């Protein structure tokens, strides 16, 4: 069981009786993660784990798969038919009516919405008082350890920043020598530097020239990439974590220009994304100084307002940022009031990105991305490189 004592402390803090984890054939990835389900486990029947704020963990497993949760130190109950399943759940609810499950009202936070509507109806029919586990999950799965914080600030983030600067130089020297550079070749340069420096990533970085960067998740590949020469806007988005251990990710995006000057539209777009990102940073800092909390949706609103006021609102088509943990997109609060309505408060010892972008189809895309890290007292800092304020010219 992952961090049982931490879970019980969090349940007490949130005023909940228990966390009820429910799964059928792997439809609740959160439940599998929390109970540390072996990846080879054969699960074809419904199972449940009740983690009370106080007391011993309880499980409910099917008779033909009574081994499913045997790795847990818990009181195990075996059921067979659907009546046994419902009776088992009812006994859980009778003792712990105030529960958290993977449910989000109006599906506002889909990453925390794993339990089907029928099961929600069933539990409510048993007089359960249902709460979303979104806040609980953030407290358990998104909070960094002291070791992770130190490694990220002292190694991962600065190393990623160094590789970003090296990538600018690689682009410059390649164009000087050949007259052009290739997105895929530059991407592979970054991957080699990751390996050399002790970093890894689950997918290769984005190197995208102007028109390709207009697609936010475009990435070059061996079979599809573009060449670019002087006087081109280039987007570089890279994310990585330490090769060894349980380190957290850093995730940054910078822009460069292979010439000496941008045109009017490019300058306007770049100025808008920089000012928007800075508005997000400032809101975090101002709220901390006033001892006020910040919700993910608040940051998205502040950033999006700047881009909207600059006339590019229709071209900012994704959330402002995402939680960062040992996964690039973690289980904490996202900076989002656009794709979803994330009302979760950003809490200490977590991290998130701020990454506004403007994407003009058929023309150009630009994005700036920094990582915010929140210290034990809630102090917001930008990890790694200082935020990009000016375009990097390579001409």
Protein backbone atom coordinates (compact mmCIF):
# COMPACT_ATOMS: atom_id res chain seq x y z
CA UNK A 1 0.00 0.00 0.00
CA UNK A 2 1.40 3.35 -1.01
CA UNK A 3 1.96 5.71 1.97
CA UNK A 4 -0.83 4.34 4.19
CA UNK A 5 -0.02 6.63 7.12
CA UNK A 6 0.03 9.65 4.80
CA UNK A 7 -3.32 8.66 3.34
CA UNK A 8 -4.89 8.33 6.77
CA UNK A 9 -3.49 11.68 7.87
CA UNK A 10 -4.87 13.29 4.72
CA UNK A 11 -8.30 11.72 5.25
CA UNK A 12 -8.38 13.12 8.78
CA UNK A 13 -7.34 16.56 7.54
CA UNK A 14 -10.10 16.53 4.91
CA UNK A 15 -12.72 15.31 7.40
CA UNK A 16 -13.41 12.07 5.53
CA UNK A 17 -14.20 8.67 6.99
CA UNK A 18 -12.44 6.66 4.31
CA UNK A 19 -11.14 6.36 0.77
CA UNK A 20 -13.00 3.68 -1.19
CA UNK A 21 -10.98 2.38 -4.13
CA UNK A 22 -13.03 0.47 -6.70
CA UNK A 23 -11.92 -1.28 -9.86
CA UNK A 24 -13.20 -3.51 -12.64
CA UNK A 25 -10.76 -4.83 -15.24
CA UNK A 26 -8.34 -1.96 -14.77
CA UNK A 27 -10.77 0.90 -15.31
CA UNK A 28 -9.41 2.73 -12.25
CA UNK A 29 -5.72 3.34 -12.81
CA UNK A 30 -5.56 5.43 -9.64
CA UNK A 31 -6.75 2.50 -7.53
CA UNK A 32 -4.13 0.25 -9.09
CA UNK A 33 -1.42 2.80 -8.34
CA UNK A 34 -2.44 3.37 -4.72
CA UNK A 35 -2.62 -0.34 -3.83
CA UNK A 36 0.54 -0.99 -5.85
CA UNK A 37 -1.14 -3.71 -7.86
CA UNK A 38 1.45 -5.98 -9.49
CA UNK A 39 1.45 -5.37 -13.25
CA UNK A 40 1.16 -9.11 -13.89
CA UNK A 41 -1.91 -9.56 -11.69
CA UNK A 42 -4.87 -11.15 -13.49
CA UNK A 43 -7.97 -9.13 -12.53
CA UNK A 44 -11.25 -9.95 -14.26
CA UNK A 45 -13.69 -9.34 -11.38
CA UNK A 46 -14.63 -6.31 -9.32
CA UNK A 47 -12.60 -5.52 -6.23
CA UNK A 48 -12.64 -2.82 -3.59
CA UNK A 49 -10.25 -1.49 -0.96
CA UNK A 50 -11.47 0.61 1.94
CA UNK A 51 -8.81 2.78 3.59
CA UNK A 52 -10.28 4.27 6.77
CA UNK A 53 -9.02 7.44 8.42
CA UNK A 54 -8.48 5.25 11.47
CA UNK A 55 -8.22 1.50 11.71
CA UNK A 56 -7.29 -1.37 9.47
CA UNK A 57 -7.57 -1.51 5.68
CA UNK A 58 -10.35 -3.75 4.36
CA UNK A 59 -10.72 -5.43 0.99
CA UNK A 60 -13.54 -7.03 -0.98
CA UNK A 61 -12.46 -9.62 -3.57
CA UNK A 62 -14.19 -12.21 -5.73
CA UNK A 63 -14.06 -15.87 -4.73
CA UNK A 64 -12.32 -16.99 -7.93
CA UNK A 65 -9.69 -14.24 -7.56
CA UNK A 66 -9.20 -14.11 -3.82
CA UNK A 67 -5.46 -13.67 -4.46
CA UNK A 68 -5.95 -10.28 -6.14
CA UNK A 69 -5.21 -8.15 -3.07
CA UNK A 70 -3.31 -10.72 -1.02
CA UNK A 71 -0.24 -8.50 -1.04
CA UNK A 72 -2.04 -5.96 1.18
CA UNK A 73 -1.93 -6.07 4.97
CA UNK A 74 -5.69 -5.92 5.41
CA UNK A 75 -8.87 -7.64 6.56
CA UNK A 76 -9.98 -9.56 3.48
CA UNK A 77 -13.62 -10.31 2.66
CA UNK A 78 -14.55 -12.70 -0.15
CA UNK A 79 -17.76 -12.36 -2.17
CA UNK A 80 -19.19 -14.33 -5.07
CA UNK A 81 -22.51 -13.15 -6.55
CA UNK A 82 -23.74 -9.58 -7.10
CA UNK A 83 -25.64 -9.72 -3.81
CA UNK A 84 -22.38 -10.50 -2.02
CA UNK A 85 -20.70 -7.55 -3.77
CA UNK A 86 -23.46 -5.16 -2.72
CA UNK A 87 -23.60 -6.51 0.82
CA UNK A 88 -19.85 -6.06 1.14
CA UNK A 89 -20.02 -2.47 -0.07
CA UNK A 90 -22.98 -1.77 2.21
CA UNK A 91 -20.99 -2.93 5.21
CA UNK A 92 -18.22 -0.53 4.24
CA UNK A 93 -20.68 2.36 3.91
CA UNK A 94 -22.49 1.55 7.15
CA UNK A 95 -19.23 1.96 9.06
CA UNK A 96 -17.76 4.76 6.92
CA UNK A 97 -20.51 6.76 5.18
CA UNK A 98 -18.39 9.85 4.39
CA UNK A 99 -16.14 8.56 1.59
CA UNK A 100 -13.87 9.71 -1.21
CA UNK A 101 -13.92 7.95 -4.56
CA UNK A 102 -12.54 8.69 -8.03
CA UNK A 103 -15.44 10.92 -8.98
CA UNK A 104 -15.58 14.56 -10.09
CA UNK A 105 -18.84 16.55 -9.98
CA UNK A 106 -19.89 17.39 -13.54
CA UNK A 107 -16.64 15.67 -14.67
CA UNK A 108 -14.83 18.95 -13.97
CA UNK A 109 -11.53 17.13 -13.31
CA UNK A 110 -11.54 14.12 -15.67
CA UNK A 111 -8.18 12.82 -14.46
CA UNK A 112 -9.85 12.14 -11.10
CA UNK A 113 -13.02 10.65 -12.59
CA UNK A 114 -12.65 6.87 -12.85
CA UNK A 115 -15.74 5.41 -11.15
CA UNK A 116 -18.73 4.84 -13.43
CA UNK A 117 -22.09 6.56 -12.90
CA UNK A 118 -23.84 3.31 -12.04
CA UNK A 119 -21.51 2.64 -9.14
CA UNK A 120 -22.00 6.20 -7.91
CA UNK A 121 -25.76 5.60 -8.01
CA UNK A 122 -25.31 2.32 -6.12
CA UNK A 123 -23.25 3.93 -3.36
CA UNK A 124 -25.63 6.84 -2.98
CA UNK A 125 -28.46 4.33 -2.73
CA UNK A 126 -26.55 2.88 0.22
CA UNK A 127 -26.58 6.38 1.79
CA UNK A 128 -22.94 7.11 1.13
CA UNK A 129 -21.89 10.74 1.21
CA UNK A 130 -19.59 10.89 -1.79
CA UNK A 131 -16.67 13.28 -2.21
CA UNK A 132 -14.14 13.57 -5.02
CA UNK A 133 -10.76 12.07 -4.25
CA UNK A 134 -9.06 14.79 -6.35
CA UNK A 135 -7.75 16.76 -3.35
CA UNK A 136 -6.80 13.58 -1.53
CA UNK A 137 -4.96 12.27 -4.58
CA UNK A 138 -2.99 15.51 -4.91
CA UNK A 139 -1.91 15.30 -1.27
CA UNK A 140 -0.73 11.71 -1.71
CA UNK A 141 0.57 11.41 -5.27
CA UNK A 142 1.62 14.93 -6.30
CA UNK A 143 3.67 16.05 -3.28
CA UNK A 144 7.44 15.81 -3.72
CA UNK A 145 9.78 14.43 -1.10
CA UNK A 146 12.68 16.49 0.23
CA UNK A 147 15.03 14.34 -1.84
CA UNK A 148 13.02 14.87 -5.02
CA UNK A 149 12.91 18.61 -4.44
CA UNK A 150 16.66 18.86 -3.90
CA UNK A 151 17.51 16.70 -6.92
CA UNK A 152 15.17 18.64 -9.20
CA UNK A 153 16.45 22.07 -8.17
CA UNK A 154 20.12 21.11 -8.01
CA UNK A 155 20.38 18.68 -10.93
CA UNK A 156 17.40 18.06 -13.22
CA UNK A 157 16.18 21.61 -13.86
CA UNK A 158 19.62 23.25 -14.29
CA UNK A 159 20.84 20.37 -16.47
CA UNK A 160 17.82 20.68 -18.71
CA UNK A 161 18.48 24.42 -18.94
CA UNK A 162 22.08 23.79 -19.96
CA UNK A 163 20.97 21.39 -22.69
CA UNK A 164 18.51 24.00 -23.94
CA UNK A 165 21.37 26.51 -24.32
CA UNK A 166 23.52 23.86 -26.02
CA UNK A 167 20.68 23.20 -28.46
CA UNK A 168 20.65 26.85 -29.54
CA UNK A 169 24.36 26.60 -30.25
CA UNK A 170 23.91 23.34 -32.16
CA UNK A 171 21.27 24.95 -34.38
CA UNK A 172 23.49 27.99 -34.98
CA UNK A 173 26.60 25.97 -35.86
CA UNK A 174 24.63 23.55 -38.07
CA UNK A 175 23.13 26.38 -40.12
CA UNK A 176 26.51 28.10 -40.42
CA UNK A 177 28.11 24.88 -41.66
CA UNK A 178 25.33 23.52 -43.88
CA UNK A 179 23.04 26.46 -44.54
CA UNK A 180 20.13 24.64 -42.88
CA UNK A 181 19.23 22.44 -39.91
CA UNK A 182 16.82 19.52 -39.63
CA UNK A 183 14.24 19.18 -36.84
CA UNK A 184 14.82 15.47 -36.35
CA UNK A 185 18.61 15.79 -36.33
CA UNK A 186 18.42 18.49 -33.67
CA UNK A 187 15.97 16.36 -31.69
CA UNK A 188 18.44 13.47 -31.71
CA UNK A 189 21.19 15.83 -30.54
CA UNK A 190 19.00 16.62 -27.51
CA UNK A 191 18.37 12.93 -26.84
CA UNK A 192 22.11 12.24 -26.89
CA UNK A 193 22.73 15.07 -24.45
CA UNK A 194 20.04 13.66 -22.15
CA UNK A 195 21.84 10.32 -22.10
CA UNK A 196 25.24 11.92 -21.62
CA UNK A 197 24.00 14.03 -18.71
CA UNK A 198 22.07 11.33 -16.84
CA UNK A 199 18.56 12.28 -17.91
CA UNK A 200 15.78 10.25 -19.53
CA UNK A 201 12.38 10.96 -21.05
CA UNK A 202 9.33 8.93 -22.01
CA UNK A 203 9.03 10.62 -25.41
CA UNK A 204 11.34 12.64 -27.59
CA UNK A 205 11.41 16.46 -27.43
CA UNK A 206 9.68 18.84 -29.79
CA UNK A 207 11.82 20.76 -32.27
CA UNK A 208 9.41 22.61 -34.55
CA UNK A 209 9.95 25.31 -37.13
CA UNK A 210 7.41 28.13 -37.41
CA UNK A 211 4.65 26.48 -39.47
CA UNK A 212 5.02 23.10 -37.73
CA UNK A 213 4.93 24.74 -34.30
CA UNK A 214 1.43 25.95 -35.15
CA UNK A 215 0.38 22.41 -34.19
CA UNK A 216 0.91 22.36 -30.38
CA UNK A 217 1.89 18.68 -30.13
CA UNK A 218 3.78 18.38 -33.39
CA UNK A 219 7.04 16.45 -33.01
CA UNK A 220 9.53 15.44 -35.68
CA UNK A 221 10.34 11.80 -36.34
CA UNK A 222 12.75 9.82 -38.47
CA UNK A 223 10.07 9.55 -41.15
CA UNK A 224 8.67 13.07 -40.94
CA UNK A 225 10.54 16.29 -40.23
CA UNK A 226 11.37 19.63 -41.81
CA UNK A 227 14.50 21.52 -42.61
CA UNK A 228 14.90 25.18 -41.74
CA UNK A 229 17.48 27.80 -42.52
CA UNK A 230 18.12 31.44 -41.60
CA UNK A 231 15.25 33.74 -40.63
CA UNK A 232 13.05 31.02 -39.08
CA UNK A 233 11.22 30.88 -35.76
CA UNK A 234 11.92 27.59 -33.92
CA UNK A 235 10.12 26.15 -30.88
CA UNK A 236 12.07 23.83 -28.56
CA UNK A 237 10.13 21.89 -25.91
CA UNK A 238 12.03 19.37 -23.77
CA UNK A 239 11.18 17.39 -20.64
CA UNK A 240 13.25 14.91 -18.68
CA UNK A 241 13.87 13.31 -15.29
CA UNK A 242 16.92 11.57 -13.77
CA UNK A 243 17.86 8.22 -15.31
CA UNK A 244 18.05 6.55 -11.91
CA UNK A 245 15.84 6.60 -8.82
CA UNK A 246 12.44 8.19 -8.41
CA UNK A 247 13.19 11.73 -9.54
CA UNK A 248 10.69 14.29 -10.81
CA UNK A 249 10.47 15.84 -14.25
CA UNK A 250 11.44 19.26 -15.48
CA UNK A 251 9.60 20.55 -18.56
CA UNK A 252 10.55 23.75 -20.40
CA UNK A 253 9.88 25.44 -23.75
CA UNK A 254 11.94 28.21 -25.30
CA UNK A 255 11.79 30.02 -28.62
CA UNK A 256 14.68 30.98 -30.88
CA UNK A 257 15.02 32.74 -34.24
CA UNK A 258 17.70 31.75 -36.71
CA UNK A 259 18.00 35.28 -38.03
CA UNK A 260 18.40 38.73 -36.49
CA UNK A 261 14.85 40.09 -36.28
CA UNK A 262 11.21 39.01 -36.22
CA UNK A 263 8.44 40.54 -38.30
CA UNK A 264 5.64 42.55 -36.69
CA UNK A 265 3.24 39.60 -36.21
CA UNK A 266 5.93 37.37 -34.74
CA UNK A 267 6.98 40.11 -32.34
CA UNK A 268 3.38 40.65 -31.27
CA UNK A 269 2.83 36.94 -30.61
CA UNK A 270 6.08 36.52 -28.69
CA UNK A 271 5.38 39.58 -26.54
CA UNK A 272 1.89 38.27 -25.71
CA UNK A 273 3.04 34.82 -24.53
CA UNK A 274 5.85 36.28 -22.41
CA UNK A 275 3.54 38.80 -20.74
CA UNK A 276 0.91 36.10 -20.19
CA UNK A 277 3.36 33.71 -18.56
CA UNK A 278 4.70 36.51 -16.36
CA UNK A 279 1.14 37.26 -15.24
CA UNK A 280 0.85 33.69 -13.98
CA UNK A 281 4.14 33.90 -12.09
CA UNK A 282 3.13 37.24 -10.58
CA UNK A 283 -0.22 35.93 -9.37
CA UNK A 284 1.48 33.07 -7.54
CA UNK A 285 3.93 35.49 -5.92
CA UNK A 286 1.29 38.07 -4.99
CA UNK A 287 -1.05 35.54 -3.43
CA UNK A 288 1.78 33.97 -1.45
CA UNK A 289 2.86 37.38 -0.14
CA UNK A 290 -0.72 38.03 0.94
CA UNK A 291 -0.91 34.56 2.54
CA UNK A 292 -3.69 33.56 0.16
CA UNK A 293 -4.12 30.26 -1.67
CA UNK A 294 -4.26 29.91 -5.44
CA UNK A 295 -6.41 27.57 -7.47
CA UNK A 296 -5.32 26.10 -10.78
CA UNK A 297 -8.22 27.77 -12.55
CA UNK A 298 -7.17 31.18 -11.18
CA UNK A 299 -3.76 30.93 -12.85
CA UNK A 300 -5.33 29.90 -16.14
CA UNK A 301 -7.69 32.88 -16.02
CA UNK A 302 -4.87 35.35 -15.31
CA UNK A 303 -2.69 34.02 -18.13
CA UNK A 304 -5.51 33.62 -20.65
CA UNK A 305 -6.78 37.16 -20.03
CA UNK A 306 -3.47 38.64 -21.22
CA UNK A 307 -3.56 36.66 -24.45
CA UNK A 308 -7.22 37.45 -25.01
CA UNK A 309 -6.57 41.16 -24.51
CA UNK A 310 -3.75 40.98 -27.04
CA UNK A 311 -6.24 39.70 -29.61
CA UNK A 312 -5.08 36.09 -29.74
CA UNK A 313 -7.66 34.39 -27.51
CA UNK A 314 -8.90 32.09 -30.27
CA UNK A 315 -5.37 30.80 -30.84
CA UNK A 316 -4.59 29.70 -27.29
CA UNK A 317 -6.24 26.29 -27.47
CA UNK A 318 -4.94 24.37 -24.45
CA UNK A 319 -4.79 24.75 -20.67
CA UNK A 320 -2.14 27.01 -19.19
CA UNK A 321 -0.24 24.30 -17.34
CA UNK A 322 -0.14 20.87 -15.76
CA UNK A 323 0.96 19.18 -12.57
CA UNK A 324 4.49 17.77 -12.59
CA UNK A 325 5.58 14.74 -10.55
CA UNK A 326 7.57 11.65 -11.45
CA UNK A 327 5.36 11.89 -14.53
CA UNK A 328 5.38 14.90 -16.84
CA UNK A 329 1.64 15.25 -16.37
CA UNK A 330 1.06 14.49 -12.70
CA UNK A 331 -1.97 14.05 -10.49
CA UNK A 332 -1.91 17.46 -8.82
CA UNK A 333 -3.76 20.64 -9.74
CA UNK A 334 -3.59 21.66 -13.39
CA UNK A 335 -3.55 25.34 -14.35
CA UNK A 336 -6.81 25.02 -16.17
CA UNK A 337 -10.13 26.78 -16.49
CA UNK A 338 -10.39 26.10 -20.21
CA UNK A 339 -10.26 22.38 -20.99
CA UNK A 340 -11.52 21.58 -17.49
CA UNK A 341 -12.39 23.57 -14.37
CA UNK A 342 -9.64 22.70 -11.91
CA UNK A 343 -10.61 24.32 -8.63
CA UNK A 344 -7.97 22.50 -6.60
CA UNK A 345 -5.66 24.66 -4.51
CA UNK A 346 -1.99 24.48 -5.44
CA UNK A 347 -0.24 23.11 -2.35
CA UNK A 348 3.36 23.17 -1.01
CA UNK A 349 5.95 20.65 -2.25
CA UNK A 350 4.29 20.31 -5.64
CA UNK A 351 5.17 21.61 -9.08
CA UNK A 352 3.35 22.79 -12.18
CA UNK A 353 4.10 24.27 -15.56
CA UNK A 354 2.98 27.64 -16.89
CA UNK A 355 3.01 27.39 -20.68
CA UNK A 356 0.85 29.76 -22.70
CA UNK A 357 0.98 29.36 -26.46
CA UNK A 358 -0.40 31.04 -29.55
CA UNK A 359 -0.85 28.90 -32.67
CA UNK A 360 -1.79 30.46 -36.02
CA UNK A 361 -2.62 27.58 -38.40
CA UNK A 362 -0.54 27.62 -41.55
CA UNK A 363 1.74 30.38 -40.21
CA UNK A 364 3.49 30.08 -36.88
CA UNK A 365 3.21 28.74 -33.35
CA UNK A 366 4.96 30.02 -30.24
CA UNK A 367 5.00 28.83 -26.65
CA UNK A 368 6.93 29.67 -23.52
CA UNK A 369 7.08 27.21 -20.62
CA UNK A 370 8.56 27.36 -17.15
CA UNK A 371 8.16 25.13 -14.10
CA UNK A 372 6.91 26.53 -10.81
CA UNK A 373 8.03 24.67 -7.69
CA UNK A 374 6.40 25.36 -4.33
CA UNK A 375 8.60 25.02 -1.28
CA UNK A 376 7.54 23.65 2.11
CA UNK A 377 6.23 27.04 3.23
CA UNK A 378 4.50 27.55 -0.12
CA UNK A 379 7.11 29.93 -1.55
CA UNK A 380 6.76 29.85 -5.37
CA UNK A 381 10.00 29.68 -7.34
CA UNK A 382 10.89 29.12 -10.99
CA UNK A 383 13.23 26.14 -11.31
CA UNK A 384 16.22 25.99 -13.61
CA UNK A 385 16.78 28.78 -16.10
CA UNK A 386 15.36 32.22 -15.40
CA UNK A 387 12.24 32.68 -17.57
CA UNK A 388 12.89 33.66 -21.18
CA UNK A 389 12.14 37.36 -21.61
CA UNK A 390 13.71 38.08 -25.01
CA UNK A 391 13.85 36.13 -28.26
CA UNK A 392 17.08 34.18 -28.72
CA UNK A 393 18.56 35.29 -32.07
CA UNK A 394 21.03 32.91 -33.69
CA UNK A 395 21.89 34.94 -36.81
